[in-house]
Amino acid sequence: QVQLVESGGGLVQAGDSLRLSCAASGRTFSSYLMGWFRQAPGKEREFVAAITWRGGSTNTKDSLKGRFTISRDNAKNTVYLQMNSLKPEDTAVYYCACRTSQTGNWRIGYEYWGQGTQVTVSS
């Protein structure tokens, strides 16, 4: 069993930065894949970034590279999403997710999800 709790969201102005945190509890494995997703109002959920728990290999949505960075602190069982130069179109509920396998398409197959944290970026 894995439980995920996101934090760090809020209301910011365009150009600001935020760092989201996802605290994982329960049993964890080195083969886990941790991901961030977001869902904007009226839109489908989209993949943001993912990271392997053991090696720290990352995969980030192409359009977000350079602004968004995923990282993890294994000792704290926490993954982060650093978001810089935020834009109004980044407004969404951001979800942390966990998959107990790092094989295949990193954008699908996540088994555990947090409740999400709201990020609102004003113009």
Protein backbone atom coordinates (compact mmCIF):
# COMPACT_ATOMS: atom_id res chain seq x y z
CA GLN A 1 0.00 0.00 0.00
CA VAL A 2 1.17 3.47 -0.88
CA GLN A 3 -0.30 6.75 0.25
CA LEU A 4 0.57 10.03 -1.43
CA VAL A 5 -0.04 13.54 -0.11
CA GLU A 6 0.69 16.61 -2.20
CA SER A 7 1.42 20.04 -0.82
CA GLY A 8 2.83 23.36 -1.93
CA GLY A 9 0.13 24.64 -4.24
CA GLY A 10 -1.29 28.09 -4.05
CA LEU A 11 -2.11 31.32 -5.83
CA VAL A 12 0.81 33.03 -7.55
CA GLN A 13 1.42 35.62 -10.21
CA ALA A 14 2.71 34.88 -13.67
CA GLY A 15 6.48 34.55 -13.57
CA ASP A 16 6.57 33.25 -10.02
CA SER A 17 7.86 29.88 -8.89
CA LEU A 18 6.45 27.10 -6.77
CA ARG A 19 7.77 23.83 -5.49
CA LEU A 20 5.27 21.06 -5.00
CA SER A 21 5.98 18.21 -2.65
CA CYS A 22 4.60 14.70 -2.58
CA ALA A 23 5.09 12.75 0.61
CA ALA A 24 4.85 9.01 0.15
CA SER A 25 4.11 6.60 2.93
CA GLY A 26 3.71 2.88 3.14
CA ARG A 27 5.95 0.39 1.47
CA THR A 28 8.22 1.70 -1.24
CA PHE A 29 10.47 -0.08 -3.69
CA SER A 30 13.48 0.99 -5.68
CA SER A 31 11.65 0.05 -8.87
CA TYR A 32 8.85 2.55 -8.29
CA LEU A 33 8.13 5.26 -10.79
CA MET A 34 6.90 8.55 -9.39
CA GLY A 35 5.02 11.00 -11.53
CA TRP A 36 3.35 14.37 -11.58
CA PHE A 37 0.19 15.01 -13.56
CA ARG A 38 -2.07 18.00 -13.85
CA GLN A 39 -5.62 18.68 -14.84
CA ALA A 40 -6.68 22.15 -15.89
CA PRO A 41 -10.29 23.30 -15.76
CA GLY A 42 -12.26 21.71 -18.56
CA LYS A 43 -9.30 19.69 -19.81
CA GLU A 44 -8.11 16.13 -19.55
CA ARG A 45 -5.41 15.09 -17.14
CA GLU A 46 -1.97 15.37 -18.66
CA PHE A 47 1.42 13.99 -17.85
CA VAL A 48 3.94 16.45 -16.47
CA ALA A 49 7.03 14.52 -15.40
CA ALA A 50 8.20 11.28 -13.86
CA ILE A 51 11.26 10.03 -12.04
CA THR A 52 12.57 6.61 -11.10
CA TRP A 53 12.87 6.15 -7.39
CA ARG A 54 16.19 4.37 -7.47
CA GLY A 55 18.25 6.03 -10.15
CA GLY A 56 16.58 9.40 -10.49
CA SER A 57 16.12 9.15 -14.24
CA THR A 58 13.57 11.68 -15.41
CA ASN A 59 11.14 12.22 -18.22
CA THR A 60 9.39 15.55 -18.62
CA LYS A 61 6.72 16.73 -21.01
CA ASP A 62 8.54 18.40 -23.87
CA SER A 63 6.71 21.70 -23.63
CA LEU A 64 7.58 21.98 -19.92
CA LYS A 65 11.27 21.22 -20.14
CA GLY A 66 13.34 24.11 -18.90
CA ARG A 67 10.60 25.36 -16.59
CA PHE A 68 9.54 22.27 -14.65
CA THR A 69 11.95 19.95 -12.89
CA ILE A 70 11.12 16.77 -11.03
CA SER A 71 13.36 15.47 -8.27
CA ARG A 72 13.22 13.19 -5.28
CA ASP A 73 14.68 12.76 -1.82
CA ASN A 74 14.66 9.05 -1.11
CA ALA A 75 15.54 9.52 2.55
CA LYS A 76 12.39 11.58 3.01
CA ASN A 77 10.21 9.48 0.70
CA THR A 78 9.36 12.69 -1.08
CA VAL A 79 9.22 13.79 -4.68
CA TYR A 80 9.21 17.39 -5.80
CA LEU A 81 8.11 19.39 -8.76
CA GLN A 82 9.92 22.69 -9.13
CA MET A 83 7.90 25.02 -11.32
CA ASN A 84 9.52 28.20 -12.57
CA SER A 85 8.29 31.06 -14.72
CA LEU A 86 4.72 30.03 -14.14
CA LYS A 87 2.12 30.98 -16.69
CA PRO A 88 -1.65 31.27 -16.42
CA GLU A 89 -1.96 28.16 -18.56
CA ASP A 90 -0.17 26.23 -15.82
CA THR A 91 -3.24 26.66 -13.64
CA ALA A 92 -4.44 23.19 -12.71
CA VAL A 93 -4.81 20.66 -9.98
CA TYR A 94 -1.49 18.88 -9.72
CA TYR A 95 -1.46 15.23 -8.76
CA CYS A 96 1.30 13.00 -7.52
CA ALA A 97 1.16 9.40 -8.64
CA CYS A 98 3.10 6.20 -8.15
CA ARG A 99 3.55 3.15 -10.33
CA THR A 100 5.10 -0.03 -9.02
CA SER A 101 6.93 -0.68 -12.28
CA GLN A 102 9.18 1.55 -14.32
CA THR A 103 8.83 -0.37 -17.56
CA GLY A 104 6.84 0.69 -20.57
CA ASN A 105 5.15 4.01 -21.18
CA TRP A 106 5.88 6.32 -18.26
CA ARG A 107 2.72 8.29 -18.89
CA ILE A 108 0.26 5.53 -18.04
CA GLY A 109 -0.36 2.74 -15.59
CA TYR A 110 -0.10 4.64 -12.31
CA GLU A 111 -1.69 2.74 -9.47
CA TYR A 112 -1.64 5.18 -6.57
CA TRP A 113 -2.73 8.79 -6.60
CA GLY A 114 -2.77 11.69 -4.22
CA GLN A 115 -5.69 14.03 -3.75
CA GLY A 116 -4.05 16.85 -5.66
CA THR A 117 -3.00 20.38 -4.87
CA GLN A 118 -4.37 23.45 -6.62
CA VAL A 119 -2.01 25.76 -8.47
CA THR A 120 -3.50 28.99 -9.71
CA VAL A 121 -1.44 31.44 -11.74
CA SER A 122 -2.86 34.90 -12.27
CA SER A 123 -2.01 37.15 -15.20
